[in-house]
Amino acid sequence: MSSMGEPTGKYSITMPRDIAEAAKARSGPSGLSAYVAAAVARQIERDNLNEIIQVAEAEHGPVTDEEIQALRDQLHQARRQQTGGSSAA
């Protein structure tokens, strides 16, 4: 995505006041603009991932719950092996 050193533009947006106030309260020293830019960047990443998933599912079919669970189990096992522990993550 974008980095802090890249050129910026000034835009006017409209959003519900309660959302704007909550974002402003959470933005901290980086400011509301940086907070909103980070949120939009995350949404773009999600949109891109959803597009990739749609293409993959169109080509290979949807992933089943069983396949997801099997991959989670493999991930947890790999994490246990890495840390040398035996507790579930």
N, C-alpha and C. Protein backbone atom coordinates (compact mmCIF):
# COMPACT_ATOMS: atom_id res chain seq x y z
N MET A 1 0.83 -1.19 0.00
CA MET A 1 0.00 0.00 0.00
C MET A 1 0.87 1.25 0.00
N SER A 2 0.48 2.21 0.78
CA SER A 2 1.14 3.49 0.81
C SER A 2 2.04 3.61 2.04
N SER A 3 3.06 4.41 1.92
CA SER A 3 3.90 4.66 3.08
C SER A 3 3.78 6.12 3.47
N MET A 4 4.25 6.44 4.65
CA MET A 4 4.11 7.80 5.16
C MET A 4 4.84 8.83 4.30
N GLY A 5 5.85 8.39 3.55
CA GLY A 5 6.62 9.33 2.75
C GLY A 5 6.01 9.65 1.40
N GLU A 6 4.95 8.96 1.05
CA GLU A 6 4.34 9.18 -0.26
C GLU A 6 3.49 10.45 -0.25
N PRO A 7 3.30 11.04 -1.43
CA PRO A 7 2.48 12.25 -1.50
C PRO A 7 1.05 11.97 -1.03
N THR A 8 0.45 12.98 -0.48
CA THR A 8 -0.93 12.85 -0.01
C THR A 8 -1.82 13.83 -0.76
N GLY A 9 -3.10 13.63 -0.65
CA GLY A 9 -4.07 14.55 -1.21
C GLY A 9 -5.10 14.88 -0.15
N LYS A 10 -5.77 15.98 -0.32
CA LYS A 10 -6.78 16.38 0.65
C LYS A 10 -8.13 16.05 0.06
N TYR A 11 -8.96 15.33 0.85
CA TYR A 11 -10.26 14.88 0.40
C TYR A 11 -11.31 15.25 1.44
N SER A 12 -12.50 15.47 0.99
CA SER A 12 -13.60 15.72 1.89
C SER A 12 -14.48 14.48 1.89
N ILE A 13 -14.75 13.93 3.08
CA ILE A 13 -15.60 12.77 3.19
C ILE A 13 -16.73 13.06 4.16
N THR A 14 -17.79 12.30 4.05
CA THR A 14 -18.92 12.43 4.96
C THR A 14 -19.12 11.10 5.65
N MET A 15 -19.27 11.14 6.98
CA MET A 15 -19.52 9.92 7.74
C MET A 15 -20.38 10.28 8.93
N PRO A 16 -21.02 9.28 9.53
CA PRO A 16 -21.82 9.56 10.72
C PRO A 16 -20.97 10.21 11.81
N ARG A 17 -21.55 11.18 12.49
CA ARG A 17 -20.82 11.95 13.49
C ARG A 17 -20.28 11.06 14.61
N ASP A 18 -21.06 10.07 15.05
CA ASP A 18 -20.59 9.23 16.16
C ASP A 18 -19.37 8.42 15.76
N ILE A 19 -19.32 7.96 14.51
CA ILE A 19 -18.15 7.23 14.03
C ILE A 19 -16.95 8.16 13.94
N ALA A 20 -17.17 9.35 13.41
CA ALA A 20 -16.08 10.32 13.29
C ALA A 20 -15.52 10.69 14.66
N GLU A 21 -16.39 10.89 15.64
CA GLU A 21 -15.93 11.26 16.99
C GLU A 21 -15.18 10.10 17.65
N ALA A 22 -15.67 8.87 17.46
CA ALA A 22 -14.97 7.71 18.02
C ALA A 22 -13.59 7.56 17.38
N ALA A 23 -13.51 7.75 16.06
CA ALA A 23 -12.22 7.65 15.37
C ALA A 23 -11.27 8.75 15.84
N LYS A 24 -11.81 9.94 16.00
CA LYS A 24 -10.99 11.06 16.46
C LYS A 24 -10.45 10.80 17.86
N ALA A 25 -11.29 10.23 18.73
CA ALA A 25 -10.86 9.93 20.10
C ALA A 25 -9.78 8.86 20.13
N ARG A 26 -9.81 7.93 19.17
CA ARG A 26 -8.84 6.82 19.15
C ARG A 26 -7.59 7.13 18.33
N SER A 27 -7.63 8.19 17.57
CA SER A 27 -6.55 8.44 16.61
C SER A 27 -5.22 8.78 17.26
N GLY A 28 -5.26 9.32 18.45
CA GLY A 28 -4.02 9.61 19.16
C GLY A 28 -3.18 10.65 18.45
N PRO A 29 -1.87 10.63 18.72
CA PRO A 29 -0.98 11.66 18.20
C PRO A 29 -0.84 11.63 16.67
N SER A 30 -1.14 10.49 16.04
CA SER A 30 -1.00 10.43 14.58
C SER A 30 -2.09 11.22 13.88
N GLY A 31 -3.19 11.46 14.55
CA GLY A 31 -4.25 12.29 13.99
C GLY A 31 -5.31 11.50 13.25
N LEU A 32 -6.43 12.13 13.06
CA LEU A 32 -7.59 11.50 12.42
C LEU A 32 -7.29 11.08 10.99
N SER A 33 -6.58 11.90 10.24
CA SER A 33 -6.29 11.55 8.84
C SER A 33 -5.51 10.24 8.73
N ALA A 34 -4.49 10.09 9.57
CA ALA A 34 -3.69 8.85 9.54
C ALA A 34 -4.54 7.66 9.97
N TYR A 35 -5.40 7.86 10.96
CA TYR A 35 -6.26 6.78 11.45
C TYR A 35 -7.22 6.32 10.35
N VAL A 36 -7.85 7.27 9.70
CA VAL A 36 -8.78 6.94 8.61
C VAL A 36 -8.03 6.32 7.44
N ALA A 37 -6.87 6.82 7.10
CA ALA A 37 -6.08 6.25 6.00
C ALA A 37 -5.72 4.80 6.28
N ALA A 38 -5.34 4.50 7.53
CA ALA A 38 -5.00 3.12 7.90
C ALA A 38 -6.23 2.22 7.80
N ALA A 39 -7.38 2.72 8.23
CA ALA A 39 -8.62 1.94 8.16
C ALA A 39 -9.00 1.66 6.70
N VAL A 40 -8.87 2.63 5.85
CA VAL A 40 -9.19 2.45 4.43
C VAL A 40 -8.20 1.46 3.80
N ALA A 41 -6.92 1.57 4.16
CA ALA A 41 -5.92 0.64 3.63
C ALA A 41 -6.26 -0.79 4.02
N ARG A 42 -6.67 -1.00 5.29
CA ARG A 42 -7.07 -2.35 5.72
C ARG A 42 -8.28 -2.84 4.94
N GLN A 43 -9.24 -1.97 4.67
CA GLN A 43 -10.42 -2.38 3.91
C GLN A 43 -10.04 -2.76 2.48
N ILE A 44 -9.13 -2.02 1.87
CA ILE A 44 -8.67 -2.35 0.52
C ILE A 44 -8.00 -3.72 0.52
N GLU A 45 -7.18 -4.01 1.55
CA GLU A 45 -6.54 -5.33 1.66
C GLU A 45 -7.60 -6.43 1.76
N ARG A 46 -8.63 -6.20 2.57
CA ARG A 46 -9.72 -7.18 2.69
C ARG A 46 -10.43 -7.38 1.36
N ASP A 47 -10.72 -6.28 0.67
CA ASP A 47 -11.39 -6.37 -0.63
C ASP A 47 -10.55 -7.17 -1.61
N ASN A 48 -9.23 -6.91 -1.62
CA ASN A 48 -8.33 -7.65 -2.51
C ASN A 48 -8.31 -9.13 -2.17
N LEU A 49 -8.27 -9.46 -0.88
CA LEU A 49 -8.29 -10.87 -0.47
C LEU A 49 -9.60 -11.54 -0.86
N ASN A 50 -10.71 -10.83 -0.70
CA ASN A 50 -12.01 -11.39 -1.09
C ASN A 50 -12.05 -11.67 -2.59
N GLU A 51 -11.45 -10.79 -3.39
CA GLU A 51 -11.40 -11.01 -4.83
C GLU A 51 -10.57 -12.25 -5.16
N ILE A 52 -9.45 -12.43 -4.47
CA ILE A 52 -8.61 -13.61 -4.68
C ILE A 52 -9.38 -14.87 -4.32
N ILE A 53 -10.09 -14.82 -3.19
CA ILE A 53 -10.89 -15.98 -2.76
C ILE A 53 -11.96 -16.31 -3.80
N GLN A 54 -12.64 -15.30 -4.32
CA GLN A 54 -13.69 -15.52 -5.32
C GLN A 54 -13.12 -16.18 -6.57
N VAL A 55 -11.97 -15.72 -7.02
CA VAL A 55 -11.34 -16.30 -8.20
C VAL A 55 -10.94 -17.75 -7.94
N ALA A 56 -10.34 -18.00 -6.78
CA ALA A 56 -9.90 -19.36 -6.43
C ALA A 56 -11.10 -20.29 -6.30
N GLU A 57 -12.17 -19.82 -5.66
CA GLU A 57 -13.35 -20.67 -5.50
C GLU A 57 -14.05 -20.91 -6.84
N ALA A 58 -14.02 -19.94 -7.72
CA ALA A 58 -14.61 -20.14 -9.05
C ALA A 58 -13.84 -21.20 -9.82
N GLU A 59 -12.53 -21.23 -9.62
CA GLU A 59 -11.69 -22.19 -10.33
C GLU A 59 -11.66 -23.56 -9.67
N HIS A 60 -11.64 -23.60 -8.33
CA HIS A 60 -11.44 -24.86 -7.60
C HIS A 60 -12.62 -25.29 -6.75
N GLY A 61 -13.63 -24.46 -6.64
CA GLY A 61 -14.76 -24.76 -5.77
C GLY A 61 -14.52 -24.21 -4.38
N PRO A 62 -15.59 -24.10 -3.60
CA PRO A 62 -15.44 -23.54 -2.26
C PRO A 62 -14.66 -24.46 -1.33
N VAL A 63 -14.02 -23.86 -0.35
CA VAL A 63 -13.28 -24.62 0.65
C VAL A 63 -14.29 -25.09 1.70
N THR A 64 -14.23 -26.36 2.05
CA THR A 64 -15.17 -26.90 3.02
C THR A 64 -14.73 -26.60 4.44
N ASP A 65 -15.68 -26.69 5.38
CA ASP A 65 -15.35 -26.50 6.79
C ASP A 65 -14.33 -27.53 7.25
N GLU A 66 -14.44 -28.74 6.73
CA GLU A 66 -13.49 -29.80 7.10
C GLU A 66 -12.08 -29.47 6.63
N GLU A 67 -11.96 -28.92 5.42
CA GLU A 67 -10.63 -28.53 4.92
C GLU A 67 -10.04 -27.41 5.77
N ILE A 68 -10.88 -26.45 6.15
CA ILE A 68 -10.42 -25.35 7.00
C ILE A 68 -9.94 -25.88 8.34
N GLN A 69 -10.71 -26.78 8.95
CA GLN A 69 -10.32 -27.34 10.24
C GLN A 69 -9.03 -28.15 10.13
N ALA A 70 -8.88 -28.91 9.05
CA ALA A 70 -7.65 -29.69 8.86
C ALA A 70 -6.43 -28.77 8.75
N LEU A 71 -6.58 -27.65 8.05
CA LEU A 71 -5.47 -26.70 7.94
C LEU A 71 -5.18 -26.02 9.28
N ARG A 72 -6.23 -25.72 10.04
CA ARG A 72 -6.01 -25.15 11.37
C ARG A 72 -5.26 -26.13 12.26
N ASP A 73 -5.66 -27.39 12.18
CA ASP A 73 -4.98 -28.42 12.98
C ASP A 73 -3.50 -28.51 12.60
N GLN A 74 -3.20 -28.46 11.30
CA GLN A 74 -1.81 -28.49 10.84
C GLN A 74 -1.04 -27.28 11.37
N LEU A 75 -1.67 -26.11 11.33
CA LEU A 75 -1.03 -24.89 11.82
C LEU A 75 -0.73 -25.00 13.31
N HIS A 76 -1.70 -25.47 14.08
CA HIS A 76 -1.49 -25.60 15.52
C HIS A 76 -0.38 -26.61 15.81
N GLN A 77 -0.35 -27.69 15.05
CA GLN A 77 0.70 -28.70 15.25
C GLN A 77 2.08 -28.10 14.92
N ALA A 78 2.16 -27.36 13.85
CA ALA A 78 3.44 -26.74 13.47
C ALA A 78 3.89 -25.74 14.54
N ARG A 79 2.94 -24.98 15.09
CA ARG A 79 3.29 -24.02 16.15
C ARG A 79 3.81 -24.75 17.39
N ARG A 80 3.16 -25.86 17.75
CA ARG A 80 3.61 -26.64 18.91
C ARG A 80 5.02 -27.17 18.67
N GLN A 81 5.28 -27.63 17.46
CA GLN A 81 6.62 -28.16 17.14
C GLN A 81 7.67 -27.07 17.20
N GLN A 82 7.30 -25.87 16.72
CA GLN A 82 8.24 -24.75 16.75
C GLN A 82 8.61 -24.36 18.16
N THR A 83 7.62 -24.32 19.04
CA THR A 83 7.86 -23.85 20.40
C THR A 83 8.29 -24.99 21.32
N GLY A 84 8.18 -26.24 20.83
CA GLY A 84 8.57 -27.38 21.64
C GLY A 84 7.55 -27.73 22.70
N GLY A 85 6.42 -27.04 22.68
CA GLY A 85 5.36 -27.30 23.66
C GLY A 85 4.34 -28.27 23.13
N SER A 86 3.41 -28.64 23.98
CA SER A 86 2.36 -29.57 23.56
C SER A 86 0.98 -29.00 23.79
N SER A 87 0.88 -27.75 24.24
CA SER A 87 -0.44 -27.16 24.49
C SER A 87 -1.00 -26.59 23.20
N ALA A 88 -2.33 -26.60 23.09
CA ALA A 88 -2.99 -26.11 21.89
C ALA A 88 -2.95 -24.59 21.86
N ALA A 89 -2.87 -24.03 20.66
CA ALA A 89 -2.82 -22.56 20.51
C ALA A 89 -4.19 -21.97 20.54
